[in-house]
Amino acid sequence: MTLDIFTALVAFALVTVITPGPNNLMLMASGANFGFRRTVPHMFGIGLGFPGMVFLVGIGVMQLFDLWPLSYTILKVLSVIYLLYLAWKIAHAAAPKEAMTEGKPLTFLQAAAFQWVNPKAWSMAMSAITLYAASRDIPAVLWVAGTYVCMSLISTTAWTVMGKQLRLLLKSPARLRMFNWAMAVLLVATLIPVLWPAQS
C-alpha cells in the first residue's frame, strides 16, 4: 500500500468512525450514565470488534450477500429490531446513583457483537474494503482493519469523554432523563438511511 493510499485510508477511517452513529451515541450515553471507567469494556468492544468485522468482511463475508441476497434483508430487520431495543434501554436508563448499582453498561463481548447488527458498521466495513482492499488479499485487508483499530481508539475515547463531561451537567434526574431520551431518539434516527436510502 502506497503512502498516498494509506493517508487516504487513515482520513477515511477517522471520518467514518468519529461521525455520529449508533456506536458513538451509545458511548456518549454510557459515559454520561456510567462514567469513563465503567465504559472502557464497551470502548474496547467497539475498538477491536469493528476491525475484526472489517477483516472478516474483507476475506469473504461480503460474498454471502452476493450468493444469498435474502441474508442482507434478514440482517437489516435484525438490526432495526436490536437498535430499537437499545434505544428503549437508553431512554429508560437509571439516574447516576442508581446506575452505579442497578444499571449495566455494555460488556466487551456485547459491544463487539453489536457491530454485526449495526447498519453503519456494515456500510463502513463494505465501503472500506471496496475502496482500499479491493484485491481482498490478506495483507491489504489487515492494513484496513489495523487502521480502524487506531482510529477507533481516538473516536471511542473522544465520545466517552464527551459523555463523562456531560455527566457533570446532568446531575438532576430530570436533565438526565431528557438527555437519555434525546440519545434514544437520535439512535432511532440513525435508522433513517437504512430504511429509506437516498435515491440516486
C-alpha atoms as a PDB file:
ATOM      1  CA  MET A   1       0.000   0.000   0.000  1.00  0.00           C
ATOM      2  CA  THR A   2       1.484   3.314  -1.089  1.00  0.00           C
ATOM      3  CA  LEU A   3       1.785   6.314   1.251  1.00  0.00           C
ATOM      4  CA  ASP A   4      -0.875   8.363  -0.532  1.00  0.00           C
ATOM      5  CA  ILE A   5      -3.380   5.492  -0.426  1.00  0.00           C
ATOM      6  CA  PHE A   6      -2.584   4.846   3.243  1.00  0.00           C
ATOM      7  CA  THR A   7      -3.058   8.553   4.035  1.00  0.00           C
ATOM      8  CA  ALA A   8      -6.434   8.470   2.296  1.00  0.00           C
ATOM      9  CA  LEU A   9      -7.353   5.318   4.244  1.00  0.00           C
ATOM     10  CA  VAL A  10      -6.454   6.966   7.566  1.00  0.00           C
ATOM     11  CA  ALA A  11      -8.583  10.019   6.721  1.00  0.00           C
ATOM     12  CA  PHE A  12     -11.463   7.814   5.566  1.00  0.00           C
ATOM     13  CA  ALA A  13     -11.299   5.646   8.690  1.00  0.00           C
ATOM     14  CA  LEU A  14     -11.149   8.620  11.063  1.00  0.00           C
ATOM     15  CA  VAL A  15     -14.068  10.412   9.426  1.00  0.00           C
ATOM     16  CA  THR A  16     -16.245   7.301   9.361  1.00  0.00           C
ATOM     17  CA  VAL A  17     -15.613   6.302  12.979  1.00  0.00           C
ATOM     18  CA  ILE A  18     -15.777   9.749  14.578  1.00  0.00           C
ATOM     19  CA  THR A  19     -19.015  10.974  12.995  1.00  0.00           C
ATOM     20  CA  PRO A  20     -22.276  10.377  14.909  1.00  0.00           C
ATOM     21  CA  GLY A  21     -23.682   6.880  14.637  1.00  0.00           C
ATOM     22  CA  PRO A  22     -25.070   4.122  16.879  1.00  0.00           C
ATOM     23  CA  ASN A  23     -21.684   3.286  18.446  1.00  0.00           C
ATOM     24  CA  ASN A  24     -20.778   6.876  19.287  1.00  0.00           C
ATOM     25  CA  LEU A  25     -24.204   7.845  20.585  1.00  0.00           C
ATOM     26  CA  MET A  26     -24.217   4.773  22.821  1.00  0.00           C
ATOM     27  CA  LEU A  27     -20.713   5.576  24.091  1.00  0.00           C
ATOM     28  CA  MET A  28     -21.719   9.140  24.922  1.00  0.00           C
ATOM     29  CA  ALA A  29     -24.818   7.903  26.731  1.00  0.00           C
ATOM     30  CA  SER A  30     -22.747   5.315  28.598  1.00  0.00           C
ATOM     31  CA  GLY A  31     -20.146   7.915  29.574  1.00  0.00           C
ATOM     32  CA  ALA A  32     -22.898  10.168  30.910  1.00  0.00           C
ATOM     33  CA  ASN A  33     -24.698   7.402  32.785  1.00  0.00           C
ATOM     34  CA  PHE A  34     -21.828   5.199  33.993  1.00  0.00           C
ATOM     35  CA  GLY A  35     -18.655   7.283  33.721  1.00  0.00           C
ATOM     36  CA  PHE A  36     -15.444   6.617  31.792  1.00  0.00           C
ATOM     37  CA  ARG A  37     -14.042   3.655  33.725  1.00  0.00           C
ATOM     38  CA  ARG A  38     -17.190   1.526  33.506  1.00  0.00           C
ATOM     39  CA  THR A  39     -17.459   2.290  29.783  1.00  0.00           C
ATOM     40  CA  VAL A  40     -13.937   1.044  28.968  1.00  0.00           C
ATOM     41  CA  PRO A  41     -15.062  -2.539  28.111  1.00  0.00           C
ATOM     42  CA  HIS A  42     -17.677  -1.049  25.767  1.00  0.00           C
ATOM     43  CA  MET A  43     -14.944   1.085  24.157  1.00  0.00           C
ATOM     44  CA  PHE A  44     -12.654  -1.902  23.619  1.00  0.00           C
ATOM     45  CA  GLY A  45     -15.551  -3.965  22.295  1.00  0.00           C
ATOM     46  CA  ILE A  46     -16.034  -1.403  19.535  1.00  0.00           C
ATOM     47  CA  GLY A  47     -12.327  -0.698  19.044  1.00  0.00           C
ATOM     48  CA  LEU A  48     -11.492  -4.352  18.437  1.00  0.00           C
ATOM     49  CA  GLY A  49     -14.873  -5.734  17.393  1.00  0.00           C
ATOM     50  CA  PHE A  50     -15.346  -3.459  14.398  1.00  0.00           C
ATOM     51  CA  PRO A  51     -11.854  -4.009  12.918  1.00  0.00           C
ATOM     52  CA  GLY A  52     -12.426  -7.741  13.415  1.00  0.00           C
ATOM     53  CA  MET A  53     -15.629  -7.396  11.448  1.00  0.00           C
ATOM     54  CA  VAL A  54     -13.773  -5.448   8.724  1.00  0.00           C
ATOM     55  CA  PHE A  55     -11.257  -8.281   8.458  1.00  0.00           C
ATOM     56  CA  LEU A  56     -13.932 -10.973   8.144  1.00  0.00           C
ATOM     57  CA  VAL A  57     -15.880  -8.910   5.631  1.00  0.00           C
ATOM     58  CA  GLY A  58     -12.699  -8.453   3.642  1.00  0.00           C
ATOM     59  CA  ILE A  59     -11.852 -12.132   3.446  1.00  0.00           C
ATOM     60  CA  GLY A  60     -15.259 -13.307   2.327  1.00  0.00           C
ATOM     61  CA  VAL A  61     -18.380 -12.315   4.275  1.00  0.00           C
ATOM     62  CA  MET A  62     -19.397  -9.872   1.511  1.00  0.00           C
ATOM     63  CA  GLN A  63     -19.684 -12.815  -0.867  1.00  0.00           C
ATOM     64  CA  LEU A  64     -22.501 -14.211   1.266  1.00  0.00           C
ATOM     65  CA  PHE A  65     -24.701 -11.284   0.301  1.00  0.00           C
ATOM     66  CA  ASP A  66     -23.939 -11.910  -3.376  1.00  0.00           C
ATOM     67  CA  LEU A  67     -24.751 -15.595  -3.103  1.00  0.00           C
ATOM     68  CA  TRP A  68     -27.797 -15.174  -0.844  1.00  0.00           C
ATOM     69  CA  PRO A  69     -29.319 -11.648  -1.155  1.00  0.00           C
ATOM     70  CA  LEU A  70     -32.038 -12.513   1.361  1.00  0.00           C
ATOM     71  CA  SER A  71     -29.356 -12.640   4.067  1.00  0.00           C
ATOM     72  CA  TYR A  72     -28.868  -8.866   3.771  1.00  0.00           C
ATOM     73  CA  THR A  73     -32.598  -8.261   4.246  1.00  0.00           C
ATOM     74  CA  ILE A  74     -32.619 -10.514   7.316  1.00  0.00           C
ATOM     75  CA  LEU A  75     -29.610  -8.642   8.708  1.00  0.00           C
ATOM     76  CA  LYS A  76     -31.378  -5.317   8.152  1.00  0.00           C
ATOM     77  CA  VAL A  77     -34.511  -6.472  10.001  1.00  0.00           C
ATOM     78  CA  LEU A  78     -32.465  -7.778  12.942  1.00  0.00           C
ATOM     79  CA  SER A  79     -30.506  -4.522  13.030  1.00  0.00           C
ATOM     80  CA  VAL A  80     -33.658  -2.415  13.226  1.00  0.00           C
ATOM     81  CA  ILE A  81     -35.174  -4.538  15.993  1.00  0.00           C
ATOM     82  CA  TYR A  82     -31.996  -4.529  18.079  1.00  0.00           C
ATOM     83  CA  LEU A  83     -31.379  -0.794  17.687  1.00  0.00           C
ATOM     84  CA  LEU A  84     -34.950  -0.062  18.766  1.00  0.00           C
ATOM     85  CA  TYR A  85     -34.370  -2.251  21.832  1.00  0.00           C
ATOM     86  CA  LEU A  86     -31.151  -0.398  22.672  1.00  0.00           C
ATOM     87  CA  ALA A  87     -32.886   2.952  22.208  1.00  0.00           C
ATOM     88  CA  TRP A  88     -35.551   1.839  24.686  1.00  0.00           C
ATOM     89  CA  LYS A  89     -32.851   0.831  27.192  1.00  0.00           C
ATOM     90  CA  ILE A  90     -31.090   4.184  26.851  1.00  0.00           C
ATOM     91  CA  ALA A  91     -34.340   6.126  27.224  1.00  0.00           C
ATOM     92  CA  HIS A  92     -35.105   4.261  30.458  1.00  0.00           C
ATOM     93  CA  ALA A  93     -31.578   4.269  31.917  1.00  0.00           C
ATOM     94  CA  ALA A  94     -31.330   4.816  35.662  1.00  0.00           C
ATOM     95  CA  ALA A  95     -30.184   8.026  37.300  1.00  0.00           C
ATOM     96  CA  PRO A  96     -26.396   8.187  38.011  1.00  0.00           C
ATOM     97  CA  LYS A  97     -26.597   6.990  41.635  1.00  0.00           C
ATOM     98  CA  GLU A  98     -28.960   4.166  40.717  1.00  0.00           C
ATOM     99  CA  ALA A  99     -26.855   3.280  37.680  1.00  0.00           C
ATOM    100  CA  MET A 100     -23.883   2.555  39.914  1.00  0.00           C
ATOM    101  CA  THR A 101     -25.737  -0.373  41.449  1.00  0.00           C
ATOM    102  CA  GLU A 102     -28.556  -1.215  39.033  1.00  0.00           C
ATOM    103  CA  GLY A 103     -27.505  -0.164  35.545  1.00  0.00           C
ATOM    104  CA  LYS A 104     -25.049  -2.128  33.451  1.00  0.00           C
ATOM    105  CA  PRO A 105     -23.039  -0.704  30.555  1.00  0.00           C
ATOM    106  CA  LEU A 106     -22.389  -2.938  27.563  1.00  0.00           C
ATOM    107  CA  THR A 107     -19.674  -5.539  28.117  1.00  0.00           C
ATOM    108  CA  PHE A 108     -16.750  -6.096  25.730  1.00  0.00           C
ATOM    109  CA  LEU A 109     -18.469  -9.059  24.074  1.00  0.00           C
ATOM    110  CA  GLN A 110     -21.826  -7.283  23.792  1.00  0.00           C
ATOM    111  CA  ALA A 111     -20.229  -4.245  22.159  1.00  0.00           C
ATOM    112  CA  ALA A 112     -18.179  -6.422  19.794  1.00  0.00           C
ATOM    113  CA  ALA A 113     -21.227  -8.496  18.842  1.00  0.00           C
ATOM    114  CA  PHE A 114     -23.272  -5.342  18.294  1.00  0.00           C
ATOM    115  CA  GLN A 115     -21.104  -4.463  15.280  1.00  0.00           C
ATOM    116  CA  TRP A 116     -22.747  -7.281  13.353  1.00  0.00           C
ATOM    117  CA  VAL A 117     -26.213  -5.710  13.686  1.00  0.00           C
ATOM    118  CA  ASN A 118     -25.040  -2.106  13.359  1.00  0.00           C
ATOM    119  CA  PRO A 119     -26.114  -0.756   9.946  1.00  0.00           C
ATOM    120  CA  LYS A 120     -23.463   1.979   9.941  1.00  0.00           C
ATOM    121  CA  ALA A 121     -20.741  -0.571  10.748  1.00  0.00           C
ATOM    122  CA  TRP A 122     -21.761  -2.729   7.778  1.00  0.00           C
ATOM    123  CA  SER A 123     -21.762   0.266   5.467  1.00  0.00           C
ATOM    124  CA  MET A 124     -18.345   1.403   6.723  1.00  0.00           C
ATOM    125  CA  ALA A 125     -16.800  -2.065   6.504  1.00  0.00           C
ATOM    126  CA  MET A 126     -18.009  -2.772   2.978  1.00  0.00           C
ATOM    127  CA  SER A 127     -17.017   0.711   1.755  1.00  0.00           C
ATOM    128  CA  ALA A 128     -13.540   0.470   3.300  1.00  0.00           C
ATOM    129  CA  ILE A 129     -12.857  -2.950   1.789  1.00  0.00           C
ATOM    130  CA  THR A 130     -14.202  -1.906  -1.617  1.00  0.00           C
ATOM    131  CA  LEU A 131     -12.120   1.279  -1.696  1.00  0.00           C
ATOM    132  CA  TYR A 132      -8.887   0.231  -0.005  1.00  0.00           C
ATOM    133  CA  ALA A 133      -8.661  -3.559  -0.237  1.00  0.00           C
ATOM    134  CA  ALA A 134     -10.400  -4.342  -3.498  1.00  0.00           C
ATOM    135  CA  SER A 135      -7.938  -7.164  -4.149  1.00  0.00           C
ATOM    136  CA  ARG A 136      -9.185  -8.858  -0.944  1.00  0.00           C
ATOM    137  CA  ASP A 137      -5.699 -10.222  -0.238  1.00  0.00           C
ATOM    138  CA  ILE A 138      -4.971 -10.677   3.468  1.00  0.00           C
ATOM    139  CA  PRO A 139      -2.181  -8.037   3.795  1.00  0.00           C
ATOM    140  CA  ALA A 140      -4.422  -5.329   2.291  1.00  0.00           C
ATOM    141  CA  VAL A 141      -7.364  -6.345   4.482  1.00  0.00           C
ATOM    142  CA  LEU A 142      -5.095  -6.321   7.558  1.00  0.00           C
ATOM    143  CA  TRP A 143      -3.929  -2.787   6.716  1.00  0.00           C
ATOM    144  CA  VAL A 144      -7.545  -1.605   6.615  1.00  0.00           C
ATOM    145  CA  ALA A 145      -8.501  -3.428   9.829  1.00  0.00           C
ATOM    146  CA  GLY A 146      -5.367  -2.213  11.636  1.00  0.00           C
ATOM    147  CA  THR A 147      -6.038   1.377  10.621  1.00  0.00           C
ATOM    148  CA  TYR A 148      -9.508   1.089  12.121  1.00  0.00           C
ATOM    149  CA  VAL A 149      -8.045  -0.166  15.407  1.00  0.00           C
ATOM    150  CA  CYS A 150      -6.003   3.054  15.714  1.00  0.00           C
ATOM    151  CA  MET A 151      -8.774   5.400  14.589  1.00  0.00           C
ATOM    152  CA  SER A 152     -11.320   3.707  16.841  1.00  0.00           C
ATOM    153  CA  LEU A 153      -9.092   4.388  19.840  1.00  0.00           C
ATOM    154  CA  ILE A 154      -9.351   8.121  19.100  1.00  0.00           C
ATOM    155  CA  SER A 155     -13.078   8.034  18.431  1.00  0.00           C
ATOM    156  CA  THR A 156     -14.225   5.853  21.336  1.00  0.00           C
ATOM    157  CA  THR A 157     -12.147   7.863  23.802  1.00  0.00           C
ATOM    158  CA  ALA A 158     -13.442  11.199  22.495  1.00  0.00           C
ATOM    159  CA  TRP A 159     -17.116  10.241  22.612  1.00  0.00           C
ATOM    160  CA  THR A 160     -16.877   8.617  26.048  1.00  0.00           C
ATOM    161  CA  VAL A 161     -15.047  11.640  27.494  1.00  0.00           C
ATOM    162  CA  MET A 162     -17.711  13.874  25.958  1.00  0.00           C
ATOM    163  CA  GLY A 163     -20.384  11.850  27.713  1.00  0.00           C
ATOM    164  CA  LYS A 164     -18.467  11.909  31.004  1.00  0.00           C
ATOM    165  CA  GLN A 165     -18.203  15.707  30.830  1.00  0.00           C
ATOM    166  CA  LEU A 166     -21.915  15.951  30.168  1.00  0.00           C
ATOM    167  CA  ARG A 167     -22.425  13.893  33.319  1.00  0.00           C
ATOM    168  CA  LEU A 168     -21.449  16.996  35.312  1.00  0.00           C
ATOM    169  CA  LEU A 169     -24.359  18.886  33.740  1.00  0.00           C
ATOM    170  CA  LEU A 170     -26.797  16.023  34.193  1.00  0.00           C
ATOM    171  CA  LYS A 171     -26.816  15.688  37.969  1.00  0.00           C
ATOM    172  CA  SER A 172     -30.503  16.494  38.005  1.00  0.00           C
ATOM    173  CA  PRO A 173     -32.592  13.353  37.305  1.00  0.00           C
ATOM    174  CA  ALA A 174     -34.860  15.433  35.059  1.00  0.00           C
ATOM    175  CA  ARG A 175     -31.916  16.595  32.923  1.00  0.00           C
ATOM    176  CA  LEU A 176     -30.506  13.095  32.685  1.00  0.00           C
ATOM    177  CA  ARG A 177     -33.917  11.776  31.662  1.00  0.00           C
ATOM    178  CA  MET A 178     -34.147  14.405  28.904  1.00  0.00           C
ATOM    179  CA  PHE A 179     -30.603  13.591  27.746  1.00  0.00           C
ATOM    180  CA  ASN A 180     -31.303   9.850  27.624  1.00  0.00           C
ATOM    181  CA  TRP A 181     -34.496  10.390  25.653  1.00  0.00           C
ATOM    182  CA  ALA A 182     -32.629  12.665  23.240  1.00  0.00           C
ATOM    183  CA  MET A 183     -29.938   9.996  22.757  1.00  0.00           C
ATOM    184  CA  ALA A 184     -32.625   7.359  22.208  1.00  0.00           C
ATOM    185  CA  VAL A 185     -34.332   9.490  19.559  1.00  0.00           C
ATOM    186  CA  LEU A 186     -31.014  10.164  17.805  1.00  0.00           C
ATOM    187  CA  LEU A 187     -30.198   6.450  17.881  1.00  0.00           C
ATOM    188  CA  VAL A 188     -33.522   5.670  16.207  1.00  0.00           C
ATOM    189  CA  ALA A 189     -32.815   8.455  13.694  1.00  0.00           C
ATOM    190  CA  THR A 190     -29.678   6.603  12.570  1.00  0.00           C
ATOM    191  CA  LEU A 191     -32.046   4.032  11.071  1.00  0.00           C
ATOM    192  CA  ILE A 192     -33.465   6.520   8.546  1.00  0.00           C
ATOM    193  CA  PRO A 193     -30.714   5.993   5.920  1.00  0.00           C
ATOM    194  CA  VAL A 194     -31.144   2.231   6.330  1.00  0.00           C
ATOM    195  CA  LEU A 195     -34.916   2.197   5.980  1.00  0.00           C
ATOM    196  CA  TRP A 196     -35.165   4.963   3.405  1.00  0.00           C
ATOM    197  CA  PRO A 197     -31.867   5.119   1.489  1.00  0.00           C
ATOM    198  CA  ALA A 198     -31.285   8.172  -0.681  1.00  0.00           C
ATOM    199  CA  GLN A 199     -32.259   7.647  -4.276  1.00  0.00           C
ATOM    200  CA  SER A 200     -29.504   8.414  -6.776  1.00  0.00           C
END
